[in-house]
N, C-alpha and C. Protein backbone atom coordinates (compact mmCIF):
# COMPACT_ATOMS: atom_id res chain seq x y z
N MET A 1 6.37 14.46 8.72
CA MET A 1 6.92 15.24 7.62
C MET A 1 8.10 16.03 8.18
N SER A 2 9.28 15.68 7.82
CA SER A 2 10.45 16.27 8.43
C SER A 2 11.01 17.46 7.66
N GLU A 3 10.65 17.59 6.42
CA GLU A 3 11.17 18.69 5.61
C GLU A 3 10.56 20.02 6.05
N ASP A 4 11.33 21.06 5.95
CA ASP A 4 10.87 22.41 6.31
C ASP A 4 9.69 22.80 5.41
N PRO A 5 8.51 23.08 6.00
CA PRO A 5 7.33 23.41 5.19
C PRO A 5 7.51 24.67 4.33
N SER A 6 8.39 25.55 4.74
CA SER A 6 8.60 26.76 3.94
C SER A 6 9.31 26.45 2.63
N LYS A 7 9.82 25.24 2.50
CA LYS A 7 10.51 24.84 1.27
C LYS A 7 9.72 23.79 0.49
N GLN A 8 8.49 23.50 0.93
CA GLN A 8 7.67 22.52 0.25
C GLN A 8 6.66 23.21 -0.66
N TYR A 9 5.79 22.40 -1.24
CA TYR A 9 4.80 22.92 -2.20
C TYR A 9 3.44 23.07 -1.54
N TRP A 10 2.72 24.08 -1.97
CA TRP A 10 1.40 24.41 -1.44
C TRP A 10 0.45 24.65 -2.61
N TYR A 11 -0.83 24.41 -2.36
CA TYR A 11 -1.85 24.71 -3.37
C TYR A 11 -2.61 25.93 -2.90
N ASN A 12 -2.67 26.95 -3.75
CA ASN A 12 -3.37 28.18 -3.42
C ASN A 12 -4.83 28.03 -3.85
N MET A 13 -5.73 27.98 -2.87
CA MET A 13 -7.16 27.79 -3.13
C MET A 13 -7.78 28.99 -3.85
N LYS A 14 -7.22 30.15 -3.65
CA LYS A 14 -7.75 31.37 -4.26
C LYS A 14 -7.39 31.46 -5.75
N THR A 15 -6.15 31.13 -6.08
CA THR A 15 -5.68 31.28 -7.46
C THR A 15 -5.69 29.97 -8.25
N GLY A 16 -5.70 28.84 -7.53
CA GLY A 16 -5.63 27.54 -8.20
C GLY A 16 -4.23 27.20 -8.66
N GLN A 17 -3.24 27.89 -8.15
CA GLN A 17 -1.85 27.68 -8.56
C GLN A 17 -1.06 26.94 -7.49
N VAL A 18 -0.05 26.22 -7.92
CA VAL A 18 0.90 25.59 -7.01
C VAL A 18 1.98 26.60 -6.69
N GLU A 19 2.34 26.66 -5.41
CA GLU A 19 3.38 27.60 -4.96
C GLU A 19 4.49 26.83 -4.28
N HIS A 20 5.69 27.37 -4.34
CA HIS A 20 6.83 26.78 -3.65
C HIS A 20 7.17 27.67 -2.47
N GLY A 21 6.99 27.14 -1.27
CA GLY A 21 7.23 27.94 -0.07
C GLY A 21 6.03 28.80 0.28
N TYR A 22 6.26 29.73 1.19
CA TYR A 22 5.19 30.59 1.69
C TYR A 22 5.02 31.81 0.80
N GLU A 23 4.39 31.63 -0.35
CA GLU A 23 4.19 32.75 -1.28
C GLU A 23 2.93 33.54 -0.98
N SER A 24 1.92 32.87 -0.43
CA SER A 24 0.64 33.55 -0.21
C SER A 24 0.22 33.42 1.24
N SER A 25 -0.88 34.06 1.55
CA SER A 25 -1.43 34.05 2.90
C SER A 25 -1.82 32.64 3.32
N VAL A 26 -1.67 32.33 4.58
CA VAL A 26 -2.01 31.02 5.11
C VAL A 26 -3.49 30.68 4.89
N VAL A 27 -4.35 31.67 4.85
CA VAL A 27 -5.78 31.39 4.66
C VAL A 27 -6.10 30.94 3.24
N ASP A 28 -5.20 31.17 2.30
CA ASP A 28 -5.44 30.82 0.90
C ASP A 28 -4.77 29.52 0.46
N ARG A 29 -3.90 28.96 1.28
CA ARG A 29 -3.13 27.79 0.81
C ARG A 29 -3.40 26.56 1.65
N VAL A 30 -3.25 25.40 1.00
CA VAL A 30 -3.33 24.11 1.68
C VAL A 30 -2.07 23.32 1.39
N GLY A 31 -1.71 22.50 2.33
CA GLY A 31 -0.50 21.71 2.20
C GLY A 31 0.16 21.58 3.55
N PRO A 32 1.40 21.26 3.58
CA PRO A 32 2.35 21.20 2.48
C PRO A 32 2.34 19.85 1.76
N PHE A 33 2.88 19.85 0.58
CA PHE A 33 3.05 18.67 -0.24
C PHE A 33 4.52 18.52 -0.57
N GLY A 34 4.94 17.28 -0.73
CA GLY A 34 6.35 17.00 -1.00
C GLY A 34 6.80 17.34 -2.41
N THR A 35 5.86 17.30 -3.36
CA THR A 35 6.22 17.58 -4.75
C THR A 35 5.21 18.54 -5.38
N GLU A 36 5.62 19.13 -6.46
CA GLU A 36 4.73 20.03 -7.20
C GLU A 36 3.53 19.25 -7.74
N ASP A 37 3.78 18.02 -8.20
CA ASP A 37 2.69 17.20 -8.74
C ASP A 37 1.65 16.88 -7.66
N GLU A 38 2.09 16.52 -6.47
CA GLU A 38 1.15 16.26 -5.37
C GLU A 38 0.31 17.50 -5.08
N ALA A 39 0.94 18.64 -5.04
CA ALA A 39 0.22 19.90 -4.77
C ALA A 39 -0.78 20.21 -5.87
N SER A 40 -0.46 19.86 -7.10
CA SER A 40 -1.37 20.14 -8.21
C SER A 40 -2.64 19.30 -8.13
N HIS A 41 -2.60 18.21 -7.35
CA HIS A 41 -3.76 17.34 -7.16
C HIS A 41 -4.40 17.54 -5.79
N ALA A 42 -4.16 18.68 -5.19
CA ALA A 42 -4.64 18.96 -3.83
C ALA A 42 -6.15 18.85 -3.72
N LEU A 43 -6.89 19.37 -4.68
CA LEU A 43 -8.35 19.35 -4.59
C LEU A 43 -8.88 17.92 -4.61
N GLU A 44 -8.27 17.06 -5.42
CA GLU A 44 -8.67 15.66 -5.45
C GLU A 44 -8.43 15.01 -4.09
N LYS A 45 -7.29 15.30 -3.51
CA LYS A 45 -6.94 14.74 -2.19
C LYS A 45 -7.91 15.25 -1.13
N LEU A 46 -8.24 16.53 -1.16
CA LEU A 46 -9.18 17.10 -0.19
C LEU A 46 -10.56 16.47 -0.33
N ARG A 47 -11.02 16.29 -1.56
CA ARG A 47 -12.32 15.66 -1.79
C ARG A 47 -12.34 14.22 -1.28
N ALA A 48 -11.28 13.48 -1.55
CA ALA A 48 -11.20 12.09 -1.10
C ALA A 48 -11.19 12.01 0.43
N ASN A 49 -10.42 12.88 1.07
CA ASN A 49 -10.37 12.90 2.53
C ASN A 49 -11.74 13.26 3.10
N SER A 50 -12.39 14.23 2.52
CA SER A 50 -13.70 14.67 3.00
C SER A 50 -14.72 13.54 2.90
N ALA A 51 -14.71 12.82 1.79
CA ALA A 51 -15.64 11.71 1.60
C ALA A 51 -15.36 10.60 2.61
N LYS A 52 -14.09 10.33 2.86
CA LYS A 52 -13.72 9.29 3.82
C LYS A 52 -14.17 9.69 5.22
N TRP A 53 -13.94 10.95 5.61
CA TRP A 53 -14.34 11.41 6.94
C TRP A 53 -15.86 11.37 7.10
N ALA A 54 -16.60 11.74 6.08
CA ALA A 54 -18.06 11.69 6.14
C ALA A 54 -18.54 10.25 6.28
N GLU A 55 -17.90 9.35 5.56
CA GLU A 55 -18.24 7.93 5.65
C GLU A 55 -17.93 7.39 7.04
N ASP A 56 -16.77 7.74 7.58
CA ASP A 56 -16.39 7.30 8.93
C ASP A 56 -17.37 7.84 9.97
N GLU A 57 -17.74 9.09 9.83
CA GLU A 57 -18.67 9.71 10.77
C GLU A 57 -20.04 9.04 10.71
N ALA A 58 -20.52 8.76 9.52
CA ALA A 58 -21.82 8.10 9.35
C ALA A 58 -21.79 6.70 9.98
N ARG A 59 -20.67 6.01 9.80
CA ARG A 59 -20.51 4.67 10.36
C ARG A 59 -20.53 4.73 11.89
N GLU A 60 -19.89 5.74 12.48
CA GLU A 60 -19.84 5.88 13.93
C GLU A 60 -21.21 6.20 14.52
N GLN A 61 -22.08 6.83 13.77
CA GLN A 61 -23.38 7.25 14.27
C GLN A 61 -24.42 6.13 14.18
N ARG A 62 -24.08 5.01 13.59
CA ARG A 62 -25.03 3.89 13.46
C ARG A 62 -25.15 3.15 14.76
């Protein structure tokens, strides 16, 4: 990701809002995302990643 993260979009986990740049504390935001739309779907992306990692981990333990 070559774009400056301070100019990208973030999802604020505390407020549920999309932010442009560093508007809130680092502990409250996830990202960065390239577009506002991507950031608005952050929770879906996090859930999908979490499920994939859990599946990968379970497969490795077999």
